[in-house]
Amino acid sequence: MSDQQNTASDLIYQLEDKPPFLQAIIGAVTHLLAIFVPMVTPALIVGTALQLSSETNAYLVSMAMIASGVGTWLQVNRYGMVGSGLLSIQSVNFSFV
């Protein structure tokens, strides 16, 4: 293997670079919105299929979000053998729907 660097790269930022604050905030909000939809939609589909009341359906969505937050917190922060220490979002999945 050689230690040649590819000088014709299309990367905007290298490994240790930090984007400007506004650009980082926009990227973070984009990721949060991308996480939010697949987290809420399965709970809404199941609640509608079971013909739950709107209050119960809202409760189901809230519990899906809380469970996702707790699962993500446990995954990001290592507690003994629990958690990977990496940012990996734990959320509900469309597989069971």
C-alpha atoms as a PDB file:
ATOM      1  CA  MET A   1       0.000   0.000   0.000  1.00  0.00           C
ATOM      2  CA  SER A   2       1.229   3.461  -0.747  1.00  0.00           C
ATOM      3  CA  ASP A   3       0.693   6.651   1.209  1.00  0.00           C
ATOM      4  CA  GLN A   4      -0.425   8.706  -1.758  1.00  0.00           C
ATOM      5  CA  GLN A   5      -2.984  11.424  -1.136  1.00  0.00           C
ATOM      6  CA  ASN A   6      -5.753  11.994  -3.617  1.00  0.00           C
ATOM      7  CA  THR A   7      -5.474  15.691  -4.472  1.00  0.00           C
ATOM      8  CA  ALA A   8      -8.483  15.630  -6.827  1.00  0.00           C
ATOM      9  CA  SER A   9     -11.036  14.992  -4.091  1.00  0.00           C
ATOM     10  CA  ASP A  10     -14.571  16.413  -4.142  1.00  0.00           C
ATOM     11  CA  LEU A  11     -14.734  16.626  -0.345  1.00  0.00           C
ATOM     12  CA  ILE A  12     -15.702  19.984   1.100  1.00  0.00           C
ATOM     13  CA  TYR A  13     -14.286  19.239   4.557  1.00  0.00           C
ATOM     14  CA  GLN A  14     -11.472  16.910   5.526  1.00  0.00           C
ATOM     15  CA  LEU A  15     -11.545  14.555   8.511  1.00  0.00           C
ATOM     16  CA  GLU A  16     -10.653  17.040  11.249  1.00  0.00           C
ATOM     17  CA  ASP A  17     -12.268  20.134   9.707  1.00  0.00           C
ATOM     18  CA  LYS A  18     -15.214  21.880  11.368  1.00  0.00           C
ATOM     19  CA  PRO A  19     -17.938  23.573   9.317  1.00  0.00           C
ATOM     20  CA  PRO A  20     -19.099  27.086  10.205  1.00  0.00           C
ATOM     21  CA  PHE A  21     -21.648  27.281  13.034  1.00  0.00           C
ATOM     22  CA  LEU A  22     -24.657  28.208  10.869  1.00  0.00           C
ATOM     23  CA  GLN A  23     -23.920  25.415   8.418  1.00  0.00           C
ATOM     24  CA  ALA A  24     -23.561  22.926  11.296  1.00  0.00           C
ATOM     25  CA  ILE A  25     -26.926  24.027  12.778  1.00  0.00           C
ATOM     26  CA  ILE A  26     -28.667  23.653   9.412  1.00  0.00           C
ATOM     27  CA  GLY A  27     -27.186  20.175   9.009  1.00  0.00           C
ATOM     28  CA  ALA A  28     -28.249  19.200  12.537  1.00  0.00           C
ATOM     29  CA  VAL A  29     -31.841  20.383  11.992  1.00  0.00           C
ATOM     30  CA  THR A  30     -31.958  18.496   8.695  1.00  0.00           C
ATOM     31  CA  HIS A  31     -30.887  15.294  10.451  1.00  0.00           C
ATOM     32  CA  LEU A  32     -33.443  15.815  13.231  1.00  0.00           C
ATOM     33  CA  LEU A  33     -36.232  16.209  10.680  1.00  0.00           C
ATOM     34  CA  ALA A  34     -35.025  13.117   8.846  1.00  0.00           C
ATOM     35  CA  ILE A  35     -35.183  11.162  12.119  1.00  0.00           C
ATOM     36  CA  PHE A  36     -38.529  12.595  13.233  1.00  0.00           C
ATOM     37  CA  VAL A  37     -40.691  11.364  10.331  1.00  0.00           C
ATOM     38  CA  PRO A  38     -39.797   7.635  10.469  1.00  0.00           C
ATOM     39  CA  MET A  39     -40.108   7.777  14.260  1.00  0.00           C
ATOM     40  CA  VAL A  40     -43.652   9.170  14.301  1.00  0.00           C
ATOM     41  CA  THR A  41     -45.189   7.596  11.185  1.00  0.00           C
ATOM     42  CA  PRO A  42     -45.293   3.921  12.328  1.00  0.00           C
ATOM     43  CA  ALA A  43     -47.018   4.933  15.576  1.00  0.00           C
ATOM     44  CA  LEU A  44     -49.585   6.923  13.599  1.00  0.00           C
ATOM     45  CA  ILE A  45     -50.172   4.035  11.181  1.00  0.00           C
ATOM     46  CA  VAL A  46     -50.655   1.506  13.991  1.00  0.00           C
ATOM     47  CA  GLY A  47     -52.870   3.868  15.985  1.00  0.00           C
ATOM     48  CA  THR A  48     -55.047   4.553  12.966  1.00  0.00           C
ATOM     49  CA  ALA A  49     -55.267   0.858  12.049  1.00  0.00           C
ATOM     50  CA  LEU A  50     -56.391   0.025  15.601  1.00  0.00           C
ATOM     51  CA  GLN A  51     -58.914   2.905  15.460  1.00  0.00           C
ATOM     52  CA  LEU A  52     -57.546   4.472  18.624  1.00  0.00           C
ATOM     53  CA  SER A  53     -58.834   7.799  19.867  1.00  0.00           C
ATOM     54  CA  SER A  54     -56.824  10.906  19.044  1.00  0.00           C
ATOM     55  CA  GLU A  55     -55.664  11.178  22.676  1.00  0.00           C
ATOM     56  CA  THR A  56     -54.446   7.578  22.703  1.00  0.00           C
ATOM     57  CA  ASN A  57     -52.815   8.025  19.313  1.00  0.00           C
ATOM     58  CA  ALA A  58     -50.984  11.123  20.576  1.00  0.00           C
ATOM     59  CA  TYR A  59     -49.894   9.131  23.643  1.00  0.00           C
ATOM     60  CA  LEU A  60     -48.591   6.342  21.384  1.00  0.00           C
ATOM     61  CA  VAL A  61     -46.552   8.836  19.354  1.00  0.00           C
ATOM     62  CA  SER A  62     -45.193  10.417  22.544  1.00  0.00           C
ATOM     63  CA  MET A  63     -44.151   7.045  23.943  1.00  0.00           C
ATOM     64  CA  ALA A  64     -42.422   6.152  20.660  1.00  0.00           C
ATOM     65  CA  MET A  65     -40.427   9.386  20.891  1.00  0.00           C
ATOM     66  CA  ILE A  66     -39.534   8.872  24.556  1.00  0.00           C
ATOM     67  CA  ALA A  67     -38.485   5.261  23.932  1.00  0.00           C
ATOM     68  CA  SER A  68     -36.346   6.425  21.012  1.00  0.00           C
ATOM     69  CA  GLY A  69     -34.692   9.058  23.182  1.00  0.00           C
ATOM     70  CA  VAL A  70     -33.956   6.640  26.013  1.00  0.00           C
ATOM     71  CA  GLY A  71     -32.655   4.001  23.610  1.00  0.00           C
ATOM     72  CA  THR A  72     -30.431   6.516  21.852  1.00  0.00           C
ATOM     73  CA  TRP A  73     -29.122   7.843  25.191  1.00  0.00           C
ATOM     74  CA  LEU A  74     -28.214   4.306  26.297  1.00  0.00           C
ATOM     75  CA  GLN A  75     -26.553   3.596  22.949  1.00  0.00           C
ATOM     76  CA  VAL A  76     -24.487   6.807  22.871  1.00  0.00           C
ATOM     77  CA  ASN A  77     -23.348   6.730  26.508  1.00  0.00           C
ATOM     78  CA  ARG A  78     -21.623   3.497  27.421  1.00  0.00           C
ATOM     79  CA  TYR A  79     -22.724   1.868  30.668  1.00  0.00           C
ATOM     80  CA  GLY A  80     -20.572  -1.207  31.130  1.00  0.00           C
ATOM     81  CA  MET A  81     -21.447  -3.571  28.300  1.00  0.00           C
ATOM     82  CA  VAL A  82     -24.553  -1.576  27.325  1.00  0.00           C
ATOM     83  CA  GLY A  83     -24.153   0.892  24.477  1.00  0.00           C
ATOM     84  CA  SER A  84     -21.721   1.338  21.646  1.00  0.00           C
ATOM     85  CA  GLY A  85     -20.471   4.818  22.509  1.00  0.00           C
ATOM     86  CA  LEU A  86     -21.327   5.924  18.962  1.00  0.00           C
ATOM     87  CA  LEU A  87     -24.168   8.101  17.726  1.00  0.00           C
ATOM     88  CA  SER A  88     -26.704   5.600  16.471  1.00  0.00           C
ATOM     89  CA  ILE A  89     -30.342   6.589  16.624  1.00  0.00           C
ATOM     90  CA  GLN A  90     -32.618   3.971  18.143  1.00  0.00           C
ATOM     91  CA  SER A  91     -36.128   4.344  16.822  1.00  0.00           C
ATOM     92  CA  VAL A  92     -39.216   2.428  15.859  1.00  0.00           C
ATOM     93  CA  ASN A  93     -39.121   0.699  12.511  1.00  0.00           C
ATOM     94  CA  PHE A  94     -41.501   0.147   9.615  1.00  0.00           C
ATOM     95  CA  SER A  95     -40.681  -3.589   9.622  1.00  0.00           C
ATOM     96  CA  PHE A  96     -43.397  -4.493  12.096  1.00  0.00           C
ATOM     97  CA  VAL A  97     -46.023  -2.444  10.227  1.00  0.00           C
END
